[in-house]
Amino acid sequence: MPLLLKITLAALLLCLALPFTAQADELSTELIELEHRPIAPRFSLPDMQDQTRELSDYLGKPVIISFWATWCPPCRKEIPVFNRAKEKLKDDDVVMLFVNINEGKETIEAYQKKVPINLTILRDETAGQLTNWNMTGLPSTFILDPEGQVVYQAMGERAWDSDDILDKVRKLKPQPSKALTISTES
C-alpha cells in the first residue's frame, strides 16, 4: 500500500475515533432522583482537625456528600471538579462534604499535599458508612434537601461543576416565605 494512502487512512481513522474519545473524557451530569426521598443515615465522624461532626450539624441547607478514597482513580478525577463546584456555590449556602472511606488522617494529609481539596473532609476510618448508605462502590455521592432527605444519588464520577447539576442543588434551597400583607385602607 502506498505511503500516502496509509497516512490518509490513519488520519481518517483518527478523525472517526475523536468523537468517541471526547465523549469518554466528558463527565456525566446524570443523577438518579429518588422519588421516595428516604431520610439520610445519620453519622458522627471526625474532620481533619479531629472535631466530631454530625450530619445534623449541616441540616437546614442542601448538602452534597461524596464518599471517596485516595486510591480510587475516579474519586481523584472528581476532586478538581468538586473544587470548582464549591467555588460556583460559594454564595449559595450549600454544604459540600467529602467523606473519606477507610483511610487514616496521615494518608489523607499526604494526599492533600499533592492535590488541594477545598471541601470539608470527614473521616470514616472503619468504612461503616458503606453499609449505612448502601454503597457498592466509590465514588458515591448523595444530595440531601434541607430536611435531610436524599433527593439525588450518583455512583461514579460526575461533572459536579456543571450548571445542570448545580441548578438542581440550588432548587433544593429553602425558599423565603412571602409575607402576607394586609391592607389597612378602607
Protein backbone atom coordinates (compact mmCIF):
# COMPACT_ATOMS: atom_id res chain seq x y z
CA MET A 1 0.00 0.00 0.00
CA PRO A 2 1.45 3.41 -0.93
CA LEU A 3 2.60 5.62 1.94
CA LEU A 4 0.16 8.43 1.07
CA LEU A 5 -2.78 6.01 1.24
CA LYS A 6 -1.58 4.69 4.63
CA ILE A 7 -1.32 8.23 6.01
CA THR A 8 -4.76 9.14 4.63
CA LEU A 9 -6.37 6.02 6.15
CA ALA A 10 -4.65 6.66 9.50
CA ALA A 11 -5.85 10.26 9.53
CA LEU A 12 -9.37 9.17 8.63
CA LEU A 13 -9.44 6.58 11.42
CA LEU A 14 -8.15 9.16 13.89
CA CYS A 15 -10.86 11.63 12.87
CA LEU A 16 -13.53 8.95 13.23
CA ALA A 17 -12.23 8.00 16.68
CA LEU A 18 -12.04 11.57 18.06
CA PRO A 19 -15.75 11.97 18.83
CA PHE A 20 -15.70 8.73 20.83
CA THR A 21 -12.57 9.77 22.70
CA ALA A 22 -14.08 13.16 23.57
CA GLN A 23 -17.25 11.52 24.85
CA ALA A 24 -15.25 9.13 27.02
CA ASP A 25 -13.47 12.07 28.68
CA GLU A 26 -16.66 14.04 29.33
CA LEU A 27 -18.20 13.51 32.73
CA SER A 28 -21.86 12.70 33.07
CA THR A 29 -24.38 15.11 34.57
CA GLU A 30 -26.93 12.34 35.13
CA LEU A 31 -28.28 11.95 38.66
CA ILE A 32 -30.73 9.40 39.96
CA GLU A 33 -33.70 11.17 41.52
CA LEU A 34 -35.21 9.28 44.45
CA GLU A 35 -38.97 9.72 44.37
CA HIS A 36 -39.49 8.35 47.90
CA ARG A 37 -36.77 10.63 49.37
CA PRO A 38 -35.50 8.48 52.25
CA ILE A 39 -34.07 10.12 55.35
CA ALA A 40 -30.27 10.09 55.08
CA PRO A 41 -28.44 7.85 57.55
CA ARG A 42 -27.08 9.91 60.41
CA PHE A 43 -23.37 9.88 61.18
CA SER A 44 -20.85 11.17 63.64
CA LEU A 45 -17.37 11.42 62.08
CA PRO A 46 -14.15 13.31 62.79
CA ASP A 47 -12.99 16.04 60.43
CA MET A 48 -9.33 16.71 59.61
CA GLN A 49 -8.99 18.79 62.80
CA ASP A 50 -10.32 15.84 64.86
CA GLN A 51 -13.57 17.64 65.62
CA THR A 52 -16.56 15.31 65.61
CA ARG A 53 -19.17 16.33 63.06
CA GLU A 54 -22.69 15.04 62.73
CA LEU A 55 -24.92 15.19 59.71
CA SER A 56 -27.43 17.14 61.80
CA ASP A 57 -24.80 19.95 62.04
CA TYR A 58 -25.44 20.69 58.37
CA LEU A 59 -29.20 20.32 58.04
CA GLY A 60 -31.29 23.34 57.08
CA LYS A 61 -29.35 23.67 53.80
CA PRO A 62 -28.85 21.42 50.79
CA VAL A 63 -25.96 19.02 51.42
CA ILE A 64 -23.77 17.25 48.86
CA ILE A 65 -21.99 14.25 50.43
CA SER A 66 -19.37 12.46 48.38
CA PHE A 67 -17.75 9.26 49.62
CA TRP A 68 -14.22 8.79 48.26
CA ALA A 69 -10.72 7.38 48.81
CA THR A 70 -7.25 8.50 47.74
CA TRP A 71 -6.59 5.17 45.97
CA CYS A 72 -9.73 5.49 43.80
CA PRO A 73 -8.93 6.89 40.28
CA PRO A 74 -12.49 8.21 39.58
CA CYS A 75 -12.52 9.82 43.04
CA ARG A 76 -9.22 11.55 42.33
CA LYS A 77 -10.53 12.74 38.95
CA GLU A 78 -13.55 14.34 40.67
CA ILE A 79 -11.55 16.39 43.20
CA PRO A 80 -10.82 19.40 40.92
CA VAL A 81 -14.42 19.19 39.65
CA PHE A 82 -15.74 19.37 43.22
CA ASN A 83 -13.34 22.24 43.97
CA ARG A 84 -14.80 24.18 41.01
CA ALA A 85 -18.35 23.32 42.13
CA LYS A 86 -17.61 24.66 45.61
CA GLU A 87 -16.35 27.90 44.09
CA LYS A 88 -19.52 28.21 41.98
CA LEU A 89 -21.70 27.56 45.05
CA LYS A 90 -19.81 29.84 47.45
CA ASP A 91 -22.71 32.33 47.70
CA ASP A 92 -25.49 29.73 47.66
CA ASP A 93 -25.41 28.37 51.24
CA VAL A 94 -24.90 24.77 50.11
CA VAL A 95 -22.80 22.35 52.18
CA MET A 96 -20.29 20.07 50.48
CA LEU A 97 -18.84 17.18 52.49
CA PHE A 98 -16.11 14.82 51.32
CA VAL A 99 -16.23 11.62 53.40
CA ASN A 100 -13.06 9.58 53.09
CA ILE A 101 -13.58 5.84 53.42
CA ASN A 102 -11.21 3.53 55.28
CA GLU A 103 -8.06 5.67 55.29
CA GLY A 104 -6.22 7.35 58.12
CA LYS A 105 -5.68 11.04 58.67
CA GLU A 106 -2.00 10.80 57.67
CA THR A 107 -2.84 9.23 54.30
CA ILE A 108 -5.35 11.99 53.54
CA GLU A 109 -2.95 14.74 54.65
CA ALA A 110 -0.16 13.31 52.46
CA TYR A 111 -2.54 13.24 49.50
CA GLN A 112 -3.68 16.83 50.17
CA LYS A 113 -0.06 17.99 49.89
CA LYS A 114 -0.16 16.83 46.25
CA VAL A 115 -3.78 17.65 45.43
CA PRO A 116 -5.63 20.53 47.09
CA ILE A 117 -9.08 19.63 48.39
CA ASN A 118 -11.19 22.70 49.18
CA LEU A 119 -14.03 20.81 50.83
CA THR A 120 -14.86 19.78 54.36
CA ILE A 121 -13.26 16.35 54.74
CA LEU A 122 -14.72 13.87 57.21
CA ARG A 123 -13.03 10.54 58.02
CA ASP A 124 -14.76 7.18 58.12
CA GLU A 125 -11.71 5.12 59.04
CA THR A 126 -13.76 1.95 59.67
CA ALA A 127 -15.78 2.18 56.42
CA GLY A 128 -19.01 1.84 58.40
CA GLN A 129 -20.76 4.34 56.15
CA LEU A 130 -20.51 1.98 53.17
CA THR A 131 -23.16 -0.21 54.80
CA ASN A 132 -25.17 2.65 56.32
CA TRP A 133 -25.58 4.34 52.93
CA ASN A 134 -25.91 1.07 51.00
CA MET A 135 -22.96 1.85 48.71
CA THR A 136 -21.47 -0.67 46.34
CA GLY A 137 -18.54 1.40 45.10
CA LEU A 138 -16.68 4.69 45.11
CA PRO A 139 -17.18 7.47 44.42
CA SER A 140 -20.76 7.57 45.63
CA THR A 141 -22.45 10.92 46.07
CA PHE A 142 -25.77 11.87 47.63
CA ILE A 143 -27.60 15.19 47.53
CA LEU A 144 -29.84 15.97 50.51
CA ASP A 145 -32.56 18.54 50.86
CA PRO A 146 -32.51 20.85 53.91
CA GLU A 147 -34.61 18.33 55.88
CA GLY A 148 -32.01 15.60 55.41
CA GLN A 149 -33.85 13.58 52.80
CA VAL A 150 -31.87 12.00 49.96
CA VAL A 151 -33.14 13.60 46.75
CA TYR A 152 -30.43 12.52 44.28
CA GLN A 153 -27.63 9.99 44.18
CA ALA A 154 -24.84 9.12 41.77
CA MET A 155 -22.38 6.24 41.55
CA GLY A 156 -19.19 7.05 39.72
CA GLU A 157 -17.74 10.33 38.61
CA ARG A 158 -19.90 13.24 37.52
CA ALA A 159 -19.48 16.79 36.27
CA TRP A 160 -20.35 18.29 39.66
CA ASP A 161 -19.41 21.77 38.45
CA SER A 162 -21.96 21.69 35.60
CA ASP A 163 -24.80 24.19 35.71
CA ASP A 164 -27.24 21.31 35.13
CA ILE A 165 -26.29 19.63 38.41
CA LEU A 166 -25.72 22.83 40.40
CA ASP A 167 -29.13 24.21 39.40
CA LYS A 168 -30.76 21.04 40.77
CA VAL A 169 -28.94 21.58 44.05
CA ARG A 170 -29.85 25.28 44.19
CA LYS A 171 -33.54 24.43 43.70
CA LEU A 172 -33.40 22.48 46.98
CA LYS A 173 -32.63 25.62 48.98
CA PRO A 174 -35.42 26.74 51.31
CA GLN A 175 -37.44 29.46 49.67
CA PRO A 176 -38.04 32.64 51.66
CA SER A 177 -41.63 32.78 52.81
CA LYS A 178 -43.69 35.52 51.28
CA ALA A 179 -45.13 37.70 53.98
CA LEU A 180 -48.83 38.28 53.84
CA THR A 181 -49.57 41.97 53.61
CA ILE A 182 -52.83 43.24 54.98
CA SER A 183 -54.17 46.46 53.66
CA THR A 184 -55.40 48.92 56.29
CA GLU A 185 -57.19 51.11 53.77
CA SER A 186 -60.96 51.10 53.88
